[in-house]
N, C-alpha and C. Protein backbone atom coordinates (compact mmCIF):
# COMPACT_ATOMS: atom_id res chain seq x y z
N UNK A 1 89.10 145.22 0.54
CA UNK A 1 89.85 143.98 0.63
C UNK A 1 89.37 142.97 -0.40
N UNK A 2 88.06 142.97 -0.66
CA UNK A 2 87.53 142.03 -1.66
C UNK A 2 88.18 142.26 -3.01
N UNK A 3 88.29 143.52 -3.41
CA UNK A 3 88.90 143.85 -4.70
C UNK A 3 90.37 143.43 -4.73
N UNK A 4 91.08 143.69 -3.65
CA UNK A 4 92.50 143.31 -3.59
C UNK A 4 92.64 141.80 -3.70
N UNK A 5 91.81 141.08 -2.98
CA UNK A 5 91.88 139.62 -2.99
C UNK A 5 91.56 139.06 -4.38
N UNK A 6 90.46 139.50 -4.95
CA UNK A 6 89.96 138.93 -6.19
C UNK A 6 90.74 139.41 -7.42
N UNK A 7 91.05 140.67 -7.47
CA UNK A 7 91.68 141.22 -8.68
C UNK A 7 93.20 141.27 -8.63
N UNK A 8 93.77 141.20 -7.41
CA UNK A 8 95.22 141.33 -7.30
C UNK A 8 95.89 140.10 -6.70
N UNK A 9 95.47 139.68 -5.51
CA UNK A 9 96.17 138.60 -4.82
C UNK A 9 96.05 137.26 -5.54
N UNK A 10 94.85 136.84 -5.86
CA UNK A 10 94.68 135.54 -6.52
C UNK A 10 95.40 135.51 -7.87
N UNK A 11 95.22 136.51 -8.74
CA UNK A 11 95.99 136.48 -10.00
C UNK A 11 97.51 136.49 -9.78
N UNK A 12 97.98 137.23 -8.77
CA UNK A 12 99.41 137.27 -8.48
C UNK A 12 99.91 135.88 -8.05
N UNK A 13 99.17 135.24 -7.15
CA UNK A 13 99.57 133.90 -6.69
C UNK A 13 99.57 132.92 -7.87
N UNK A 14 98.53 132.96 -8.70
CA UNK A 14 98.48 132.06 -9.85
C UNK A 14 99.61 132.32 -10.84
N UNK A 15 100.04 133.58 -10.97
CA UNK A 15 101.13 133.91 -11.89
C UNK A 15 102.50 133.52 -11.34
N UNK A 16 102.66 133.60 -10.02
CA UNK A 16 103.97 133.38 -9.42
C UNK A 16 104.22 131.97 -8.90
N UNK A 17 103.15 131.25 -8.59
CA UNK A 17 103.30 129.92 -7.99
C UNK A 17 102.67 128.86 -8.88
N UNK A 18 103.05 127.63 -8.65
CA UNK A 18 102.50 126.52 -9.43
C UNK A 18 101.15 126.12 -8.83
N UNK A 19 100.12 126.83 -9.24
CA UNK A 19 98.78 126.54 -8.74
C UNK A 19 97.96 125.90 -9.85
N UNK A 20 96.87 125.32 -9.48
CA UNK A 20 95.85 124.92 -10.43
C UNK A 20 94.83 126.04 -10.40
N UNK A 21 94.88 126.91 -11.36
CA UNK A 21 94.08 128.13 -11.36
C UNK A 21 92.66 127.87 -11.85
N UNK A 22 91.97 126.97 -11.15
CA UNK A 22 90.60 126.65 -11.49
C UNK A 22 89.76 126.65 -10.21
N UNK A 23 88.48 126.90 -10.33
CA UNK A 23 87.63 126.89 -9.14
C UNK A 23 87.67 125.55 -8.40
N UNK A 24 87.77 124.46 -9.13
CA UNK A 24 87.76 123.15 -8.48
C UNK A 24 88.99 122.90 -7.62
N UNK A 25 89.99 123.76 -7.73
CA UNK A 25 91.21 123.62 -6.94
C UNK A 25 91.36 124.73 -5.90
N UNK A 26 90.26 125.46 -5.67
CA UNK A 26 90.37 126.60 -4.75
C UNK A 26 89.18 126.62 -3.80
N UNK A 27 89.48 126.69 -2.50
CA UNK A 27 88.47 126.77 -1.44
C UNK A 27 88.71 128.06 -0.66
N UNK A 28 87.65 128.74 -0.32
CA UNK A 28 87.75 129.90 0.57
C UNK A 28 87.12 129.48 1.90
N UNK A 29 87.85 129.73 2.99
CA UNK A 29 87.38 129.37 4.32
C UNK A 29 87.71 130.50 5.27
N UNK A 30 86.82 130.72 6.22
CA UNK A 30 87.07 131.73 7.23
C UNK A 30 86.25 131.46 8.46
N UNK A 31 86.68 132.04 9.58
CA UNK A 31 85.99 131.88 10.85
C UNK A 31 85.44 133.22 11.31
N UNK A 32 84.27 133.18 11.92
CA UNK A 32 83.59 134.34 12.46
C UNK A 32 83.30 135.33 11.33
N UNK A 33 83.81 136.55 11.40
CA UNK A 33 83.58 137.49 10.30
C UNK A 33 84.19 136.95 9.01
N UNK A 34 85.27 136.19 9.15
CA UNK A 34 85.88 135.56 7.98
C UNK A 34 84.98 134.50 7.38
N UNK A 35 84.15 133.85 8.21
CA UNK A 35 83.16 132.90 7.70
C UNK A 35 82.10 133.59 6.87
N UNK A 36 81.68 134.76 7.33
CA UNK A 36 80.78 135.60 6.54
C UNK A 36 81.44 135.95 5.22
N UNK A 37 82.71 136.36 5.29
CA UNK A 37 83.45 136.72 4.08
C UNK A 37 83.61 135.53 3.13
N UNK A 38 83.85 134.34 3.68
CA UNK A 38 83.98 133.15 2.85
C UNK A 38 82.67 132.86 2.11
N UNK A 39 81.55 133.01 2.82
CA UNK A 39 80.24 132.81 2.18
C UNK A 39 80.04 133.83 1.07
N UNK A 40 80.35 135.06 1.36
CA UNK A 40 80.16 136.13 0.38
C UNK A 40 81.05 135.92 -0.85
N UNK A 41 82.32 135.64 -0.63
CA UNK A 41 83.24 135.45 -1.76
C UNK A 41 82.88 134.21 -2.57
N UNK A 42 82.57 133.10 -1.89
CA UNK A 42 82.23 131.88 -2.61
C UNK A 42 80.99 132.04 -3.46
N UNK A 43 79.97 132.69 -2.92
CA UNK A 43 78.72 132.87 -3.66
C UNK A 43 78.83 133.94 -4.74
N UNK A 44 79.65 134.95 -4.50
CA UNK A 44 79.78 136.03 -5.48
C UNK A 44 80.75 135.69 -6.61
N UNK A 45 81.75 134.85 -6.33
CA UNK A 45 82.79 134.55 -7.32
C UNK A 45 82.93 133.05 -7.54
N UNK A 46 81.89 132.39 -8.02
CA UNK A 46 82.01 130.94 -8.26
C UNK A 46 82.99 130.61 -9.38
N UNK A 47 83.35 131.60 -10.18
CA UNK A 47 84.37 131.37 -11.21
C UNK A 47 85.77 131.29 -10.61
N UNK A 48 85.91 131.68 -9.34
CA UNK A 48 87.19 131.61 -8.65
C UNK A 48 87.25 130.50 -7.62
N UNK A 49 86.13 130.24 -6.94
CA UNK A 49 86.12 129.31 -5.82
C UNK A 49 85.16 128.15 -6.08
N UNK A 50 85.66 126.95 -5.91
CA UNK A 50 84.82 125.77 -6.06
C UNK A 50 84.11 125.42 -4.78
N UNK A 51 84.56 126.01 -3.66
CA UNK A 51 83.95 125.69 -2.38
C UNK A 51 84.15 126.84 -1.41
N UNK A 52 83.21 126.93 -0.47
CA UNK A 52 83.30 127.90 0.62
C UNK A 52 82.98 127.18 1.92
N UNK A 53 83.83 127.39 2.91
CA UNK A 53 83.67 126.77 4.21
C UNK A 53 83.51 127.87 5.25
N UNK A 54 82.35 127.90 5.90
CA UNK A 54 82.01 128.93 6.87
C UNK A 54 82.16 128.35 8.27
N UNK A 55 83.07 128.90 9.05
CA UNK A 55 83.30 128.44 10.41
C UNK A 55 82.74 129.48 11.37
N UNK A 56 81.70 129.14 12.11
CA UNK A 56 81.07 130.06 13.07
C UNK A 56 80.82 131.42 12.44
N UNK A 57 80.22 131.41 11.27
CA UNK A 57 80.06 132.63 10.48
C UNK A 57 79.19 133.67 11.19
N UNK A 58 79.64 134.88 11.14
CA UNK A 58 78.88 135.99 11.68
C UNK A 58 79.45 137.28 11.12
N UNK A 59 78.67 138.28 10.86
CA UNK A 59 77.23 138.35 11.07
C UNK A 59 76.49 137.75 9.87
N UNK A 60 75.96 136.56 10.01
CA UNK A 60 75.32 135.85 8.91
C UNK A 60 73.80 136.05 8.92
N UNK A 61 73.35 137.10 9.64
CA UNK A 61 71.93 137.41 9.64
C UNK A 61 71.48 137.88 8.26
N UNK A 62 70.18 137.73 8.01
CA UNK A 62 69.63 138.23 6.76
C UNK A 62 69.76 139.75 6.70
N UNK A 63 69.42 140.40 7.79
CA UNK A 63 69.56 141.86 7.91
C UNK A 63 70.31 142.12 9.21
N UNK A 64 71.36 142.92 9.13
CA UNK A 64 72.17 143.19 10.31
C UNK A 64 71.35 143.99 11.32
N UNK A 65 71.12 143.37 12.44
CA UNK A 65 70.36 143.98 13.53
C UNK A 65 71.31 144.18 14.70
N UNK A 66 71.76 145.41 14.93
CA UNK A 66 72.72 145.65 16.01
C UNK A 66 72.21 145.19 17.38
N UNK A 67 70.91 145.16 17.57
CA UNK A 67 70.39 144.71 18.87
C UNK A 67 70.51 143.20 19.02
N UNK A 68 70.80 142.52 17.93
CA UNK A 68 71.01 141.08 17.97
C UNK A 68 72.41 140.80 17.40
N UNK A 69 73.40 141.12 18.17
CA UNK A 69 74.79 140.91 17.77
C UNK A 69 75.44 140.07 18.88
N UNK A 70 75.28 138.74 18.82
CA UNK A 70 75.65 137.89 19.95
C UNK A 70 77.13 137.90 20.31
N UNK A 71 77.99 138.23 19.39
CA UNK A 71 79.42 138.16 19.68
C UNK A 71 80.01 139.54 19.95
N UNK A 72 79.75 140.51 19.08
CA UNK A 72 80.41 141.81 19.20
C UNK A 72 79.63 142.82 20.03
N UNK A 73 78.34 142.62 20.20
CA UNK A 73 77.53 143.56 20.95
C UNK A 73 76.94 144.65 20.07
N UNK A 74 75.94 145.32 20.62
CA UNK A 74 75.16 146.30 19.86
C UNK A 74 76.00 147.49 19.38
N UNK A 75 76.88 148.02 20.22
CA UNK A 75 77.64 149.21 19.85
C UNK A 75 78.57 148.94 18.67
N UNK A 76 79.28 147.83 18.70
CA UNK A 76 80.18 147.49 17.60
C UNK A 76 79.41 147.18 16.33
N UNK A 77 78.30 146.46 16.46
CA UNK A 77 77.48 146.15 15.28
C UNK A 77 76.91 147.42 14.66
N UNK A 78 76.46 148.35 15.50
CA UNK A 78 75.94 149.64 15.01
C UNK A 78 77.03 150.42 14.27
N UNK A 79 78.23 150.45 14.84
CA UNK A 79 79.35 151.15 14.21
C UNK A 79 79.69 150.51 12.86
N UNK A 80 79.67 149.17 12.80
CA UNK A 80 79.94 148.48 11.53
C UNK A 80 78.86 148.79 10.51
N UNK A 81 77.61 148.73 10.93
CA UNK A 81 76.51 149.05 10.02
C UNK A 81 76.66 150.47 9.49
N UNK A 82 77.02 151.41 10.33
CA UNK A 82 77.19 152.81 9.90
C UNK A 82 78.40 152.97 8.98
N UNK A 83 79.55 152.44 9.41
CA UNK A 83 80.80 152.66 8.68
C UNK A 83 80.83 151.91 7.35
N UNK A 84 80.39 150.66 7.33
CA UNK A 84 80.53 149.83 6.13
C UNK A 84 79.30 149.92 5.22
N UNK A 85 78.13 150.05 5.82
CA UNK A 85 76.89 149.98 5.03
C UNK A 85 76.08 151.27 5.08
N UNK A 86 76.70 152.37 5.49
CA UNK A 86 76.02 153.65 5.50
C UNK A 86 74.81 153.69 6.41
N UNK A 87 74.79 152.82 7.43
CA UNK A 87 73.67 152.78 8.36
C UNK A 87 72.40 152.18 7.80
N UNK A 88 72.49 151.58 6.62
CA UNK A 88 71.32 151.06 5.91
C UNK A 88 71.27 149.53 5.97
N UNK A 89 70.37 148.98 6.79
CA UNK A 89 70.27 147.52 6.89
C UNK A 89 69.93 146.85 5.56
N UNK A 90 69.21 147.55 4.68
CA UNK A 90 68.87 146.94 3.39
C UNK A 90 70.09 146.90 2.45
N UNK A 91 70.99 147.85 2.63
CA UNK A 91 72.25 147.80 1.87
C UNK A 91 73.08 146.60 2.34
N UNK A 92 73.09 146.38 3.66
CA UNK A 92 73.75 145.19 4.20
C UNK A 92 73.17 143.94 3.56
N UNK A 93 71.84 143.83 3.53
CA UNK A 93 71.20 142.64 2.99
C UNK A 93 71.53 142.45 1.52
N UNK A 94 71.55 143.53 0.75
CA UNK A 94 71.83 143.44 -0.68
C UNK A 94 73.24 142.91 -0.95
N UNK A 95 74.17 143.13 -0.01
CA UNK A 95 75.55 142.66 -0.16
C UNK A 95 75.79 141.32 0.50
N UNK A 96 74.80 140.81 1.20
CA UNK A 96 74.99 139.66 2.08
C UNK A 96 74.97 138.33 1.33
N UNK A 97 75.49 137.28 1.98
CA UNK A 97 75.38 135.93 1.42
C UNK A 97 73.92 135.52 1.17
N UNK A 98 72.99 136.04 1.96
CA UNK A 98 71.57 135.73 1.75
C UNK A 98 71.14 136.15 0.34
N UNK A 99 71.43 137.40 -0.03
CA UNK A 99 71.05 137.91 -1.35
C UNK A 99 71.86 137.23 -2.44
N UNK A 100 73.15 137.01 -2.20
CA UNK A 100 73.98 136.36 -3.21
C UNK A 100 73.50 134.93 -3.47
N UNK A 101 73.07 134.24 -2.44
CA UNK A 101 72.54 132.88 -2.63
C UNK A 101 71.28 132.93 -3.49
N UNK A 102 70.45 133.93 -3.28
CA UNK A 102 69.22 134.06 -4.07
C UNK A 102 69.53 134.32 -5.54
N UNK A 103 70.67 134.94 -5.82
CA UNK A 103 71.03 135.29 -7.19
C UNK A 103 71.77 134.17 -7.93
N UNK A 104 72.05 133.06 -7.25
CA UNK A 104 72.79 131.98 -7.90
C UNK A 104 71.96 131.32 -8.99
N UNK A 105 72.65 130.86 -10.01
CA UNK A 105 72.01 130.13 -11.10
C UNK A 105 72.07 128.64 -10.80
N UNK A 106 71.35 127.87 -11.57
CA UNK A 106 71.36 126.41 -11.39
C UNK A 106 72.77 125.85 -11.55
N UNK A 107 73.51 126.33 -12.55
CA UNK A 107 74.86 125.80 -12.77
C UNK A 107 75.78 126.15 -11.60
N UNK A 108 75.61 127.34 -11.04
CA UNK A 108 76.42 127.72 -9.88
C UNK A 108 76.05 126.83 -8.69
N UNK A 109 74.76 126.55 -8.53
CA UNK A 109 74.31 125.76 -7.39
C UNK A 109 74.88 124.35 -7.43
N UNK A 110 75.02 123.81 -8.62
CA UNK A 110 75.55 122.45 -8.70
C UNK A 110 77.07 122.42 -8.60
N UNK A 111 77.73 123.53 -8.94
CA UNK A 111 79.19 123.56 -8.95
C UNK A 111 79.79 123.93 -7.59
N UNK A 112 79.21 124.90 -6.91
CA UNK A 112 79.77 125.40 -5.67
C UNK A 112 79.44 124.47 -4.50
N UNK A 113 80.45 124.09 -3.76
CA UNK A 113 80.27 123.27 -2.57
C UNK A 113 80.32 124.19 -1.35
N UNK A 114 79.31 124.09 -0.51
CA UNK A 114 79.25 124.93 0.67
C UNK A 114 79.21 124.08 1.93
N UNK A 115 79.82 124.62 2.97
CA UNK A 115 79.79 123.94 4.26
C UNK A 115 79.70 124.99 5.36
N UNK A 116 78.84 124.69 6.34
CA UNK A 116 78.70 125.53 7.53
C UNK A 116 79.13 124.68 8.72
N UNK A 117 80.06 125.20 9.52
CA UNK A 117 80.52 124.53 10.72
C UNK A 117 80.31 125.51 11.87
N UNK A 118 79.64 125.05 12.93
CA UNK A 118 79.38 125.94 14.05
C UNK A 118 79.28 125.12 15.34
N UNK A 119 79.69 125.73 16.43
CA UNK A 119 79.63 125.07 17.72
C UNK A 119 78.24 125.08 18.32
N UNK A 120 77.93 124.03 19.05
CA UNK A 120 76.62 123.91 19.69
C UNK A 120 76.42 124.96 20.77
N UNK A 121 77.50 125.53 21.29
CA UNK A 121 77.42 126.55 22.34
C UNK A 121 77.77 127.94 21.81
N UNK A 122 77.78 128.10 20.50
CA UNK A 122 78.19 129.35 19.86
C UNK A 122 77.00 130.30 19.76
N UNK A 123 77.20 131.55 20.09
CA UNK A 123 76.14 132.55 20.00
C UNK A 123 75.63 132.79 18.60
N UNK A 124 76.42 132.42 17.58
CA UNK A 124 75.97 132.62 16.20
C UNK A 124 75.23 131.40 15.65
N UNK A 125 75.07 130.36 16.45
CA UNK A 125 74.39 129.14 15.99
C UNK A 125 73.00 129.42 15.43
N UNK A 126 72.13 130.18 16.11
CA UNK A 126 70.79 130.39 15.54
C UNK A 126 70.81 131.03 14.14
N UNK A 127 71.69 132.00 13.93
CA UNK A 127 71.76 132.64 12.62
C UNK A 127 72.35 131.71 11.56
N UNK A 128 73.31 130.86 11.96
CA UNK A 128 73.86 129.88 11.02
C UNK A 128 72.80 128.86 10.63
N UNK A 129 71.98 128.46 11.58
CA UNK A 129 70.87 127.53 11.27
C UNK A 129 69.88 128.19 10.31
N UNK A 130 69.55 129.45 10.55
CA UNK A 130 68.63 130.16 9.65
C UNK A 130 69.21 130.24 8.24
N UNK A 131 70.51 130.54 8.14
CA UNK A 131 71.14 130.62 6.83
C UNK A 131 71.12 129.25 6.14
N UNK A 132 71.37 128.20 6.90
CA UNK A 132 71.30 126.84 6.36
C UNK A 132 69.90 126.55 5.81
N UNK A 133 68.87 126.92 6.57
CA UNK A 133 67.50 126.71 6.09
C UNK A 133 67.22 127.53 4.83
N UNK A 134 67.79 128.73 4.76
CA UNK A 134 67.64 129.58 3.57
C UNK A 134 68.26 128.90 2.36
N UNK A 135 69.46 128.36 2.52
CA UNK A 135 70.12 127.65 1.42
C UNK A 135 69.28 126.45 0.98
N UNK A 136 68.75 125.70 1.94
CA UNK A 136 67.91 124.54 1.63
C UNK A 136 66.68 124.97 0.85
N UNK A 137 66.03 126.05 1.28
CA UNK A 137 64.83 126.54 0.60
C UNK A 137 65.14 126.96 -0.84
N UNK A 138 66.37 127.41 -1.07
CA UNK A 138 66.77 127.82 -2.42
C UNK A 138 67.26 126.64 -3.26
N UNK A 139 67.33 125.47 -2.67
CA UNK A 139 67.82 124.30 -3.39
C UNK A 139 69.33 124.25 -3.50
N UNK A 140 70.03 124.94 -2.61
CA UNK A 140 71.49 124.95 -2.63
C UNK A 140 71.98 123.91 -1.63
N UNK A 141 72.60 122.86 -2.17
CA UNK A 141 73.12 121.81 -1.32
C UNK A 141 74.28 122.35 -0.50
N UNK A 142 74.36 121.88 0.73
CA UNK A 142 75.45 122.28 1.61
C UNK A 142 75.53 121.30 2.77
N UNK A 143 76.66 121.33 3.43
CA UNK A 143 76.85 120.51 4.61
C UNK A 143 76.70 121.40 5.84
N UNK A 144 76.23 120.80 6.91
CA UNK A 144 76.11 121.52 8.19
C UNK A 144 76.71 120.63 9.25
N UNK A 145 77.77 121.10 9.89
CA UNK A 145 78.44 120.35 10.94
C UNK A 145 78.27 121.10 12.26
N UNK A 146 77.70 120.44 13.23
CA UNK A 146 77.52 121.00 14.56
C UNK A 146 78.57 120.38 15.48
N UNK A 147 79.38 121.21 16.07
CA UNK A 147 80.45 120.74 16.96
C UNK A 147 79.96 120.79 18.41
N UNK A 148 79.85 119.64 19.06
CA UNK A 148 79.36 119.63 20.45
C UNK A 148 80.31 120.35 21.40
N UNK A 149 79.75 120.93 22.44
CA UNK A 149 80.54 121.55 23.51
C UNK A 149 81.53 122.59 23.00
N UNK A 150 81.17 123.31 21.93
CA UNK A 150 82.10 124.28 21.34
C UNK A 150 81.39 125.63 21.21
N UNK A 151 82.07 126.68 21.65
CA UNK A 151 81.55 128.03 21.53
C UNK A 151 82.23 128.78 20.40
N UNK A 152 82.37 130.08 20.55
CA UNK A 152 82.90 130.93 19.49
C UNK A 152 84.40 131.22 19.65
N UNK A 153 85.04 130.63 20.63
CA UNK A 153 86.46 130.87 20.85
C UNK A 153 87.28 130.12 19.80
N UNK A 154 88.18 130.82 19.11
CA UNK A 154 88.96 130.18 18.04
C UNK A 154 89.73 128.94 18.47
N UNK A 155 90.39 128.98 19.62
CA UNK A 155 91.20 127.82 20.05
C UNK A 155 90.31 126.60 20.24
N UNK A 156 89.15 126.76 20.86
CA UNK A 156 88.24 125.63 21.06
C UNK A 156 87.66 125.15 19.74
N UNK A 157 87.34 126.08 18.87
CA UNK A 157 86.80 125.72 17.55
C UNK A 157 87.80 124.87 16.78
N UNK A 158 89.04 125.33 16.71
CA UNK A 158 90.04 124.58 15.93
C UNK A 158 90.43 123.27 16.61
N UNK A 159 90.40 123.23 17.93
CA UNK A 159 90.65 121.96 18.62
C UNK A 159 89.56 120.95 18.28
N UNK A 160 88.31 121.39 18.25
CA UNK A 160 87.20 120.50 17.89
C UNK A 160 87.29 120.07 16.43
N UNK A 161 87.72 120.97 15.55
CA UNK A 161 87.84 120.63 14.13
C UNK A 161 88.92 119.60 13.89
N UNK A 162 90.03 119.70 14.61
CA UNK A 162 91.12 118.73 14.44
C UNK A 162 90.64 117.31 14.70
N UNK A 163 89.68 117.15 15.58
CA UNK A 163 89.18 115.83 15.95
C UNK A 163 88.01 115.37 15.08
N UNK A 164 87.51 116.22 14.21
CA UNK A 164 86.30 115.90 13.46
C UNK A 164 86.64 115.40 12.05
N UNK A 165 86.45 114.11 11.77
CA UNK A 165 86.81 113.59 10.45
C UNK A 165 85.99 114.20 9.32
N UNK A 166 84.76 114.62 9.60
CA UNK A 166 83.94 115.24 8.55
C UNK A 166 84.51 116.57 8.11
N UNK A 167 85.15 117.28 9.02
CA UNK A 167 85.78 118.55 8.65
C UNK A 167 86.83 118.31 7.57
N UNK A 168 87.68 117.32 7.78
CA UNK A 168 88.76 117.05 6.84
C UNK A 168 88.26 116.36 5.58
N UNK A 169 87.23 115.55 5.68
CA UNK A 169 86.70 114.83 4.52
C UNK A 169 86.16 115.80 3.46
N UNK A 170 85.66 116.96 3.90
CA UNK A 170 85.15 117.97 2.96
C UNK A 170 86.24 118.36 1.96
N UNK A 171 87.45 118.58 2.44
CA UNK A 171 88.54 118.98 1.56
C UNK A 171 88.82 117.89 0.52
N UNK A 172 88.78 116.63 0.95
CA UNK A 172 88.99 115.53 0.01
C UNK A 172 87.89 115.45 -1.03
N UNK A 173 86.65 115.66 -0.62
CA UNK A 173 85.54 115.64 -1.58
C UNK A 173 85.63 116.78 -2.58
N UNK A 174 86.06 117.94 -2.12
CA UNK A 174 86.14 119.10 -3.01
C UNK A 174 87.37 119.02 -3.91
N UNK A 175 88.51 118.75 -3.33
CA UNK A 175 89.77 118.80 -4.07
C UNK A 175 90.20 117.46 -4.65
N UNK A 176 89.56 116.39 -4.22
CA UNK A 176 90.00 115.06 -4.62
C UNK A 176 91.02 114.55 -3.62
N UNK A 177 91.07 113.29 -3.50
CA UNK A 177 92.02 112.69 -2.55
C UNK A 177 93.44 112.87 -3.08
N UNK A 178 94.39 113.12 -2.20
CA UNK A 178 95.78 113.32 -2.65
C UNK A 178 96.33 112.03 -3.26
N UNK A 179 97.14 112.21 -4.27
CA UNK A 179 97.81 111.07 -4.90
C UNK A 179 98.90 110.56 -3.95
N UNK A 180 99.16 109.28 -4.01
CA UNK A 180 100.21 108.70 -3.20
C UNK A 180 101.55 109.32 -3.62
N UNK A 181 102.36 109.62 -2.64
CA UNK A 181 103.67 110.21 -2.93
C UNK A 181 104.53 109.18 -3.63
N UNK A 182 105.31 109.64 -4.58
CA UNK A 182 106.23 108.76 -5.26
C UNK A 182 107.46 108.55 -4.38
N UNK A 183 107.76 107.31 -4.05
CA UNK A 183 108.96 107.09 -3.23
C UNK A 183 110.21 107.45 -4.02
N UNK A 184 111.15 108.01 -3.33
CA UNK A 184 112.40 108.35 -3.99
C UNK A 184 113.34 107.15 -3.96
N UNK A 185 114.06 106.93 -5.05
CA UNK A 185 114.99 105.77 -5.09
C UNK A 185 116.19 105.95 -4.20
């Protein structure tokens, strides 16, 4: 899917639609496994994405440990590790946002905007906090938004986000504030 997205979908959209085909005009965002994917894509392809927004990202562990899989459980995590990463936790780590963050250059660190959003009652909160500390230790600036009384359920997550002005302000900071609409005569 990464290859399809990066090499086919984005170029197709830029060719067919009136887009601003620059990283500063493109944000990748995802929730849960999609949050992991957003982190991975943003850190791996800074020439495509100016920002990455991780919503309740998982599995955002440094090394995928099936015995510590707070959302999907050990059996599903083990199957994912086997099917996607050949059963090798170090292969998982080499492909992970943790390793990609370590490989970033100074120019990438200043250009890419990152944000982590997670619920205070979410099972992935501890791993998101660890990833945030990892980014800080690497000197990668990022935002961390903790949503009170919110778990890993998508409906509750998005309901909490709708009410959070910081969630929406991120888009304005990354993309710039929208221009006033021209009134029609």
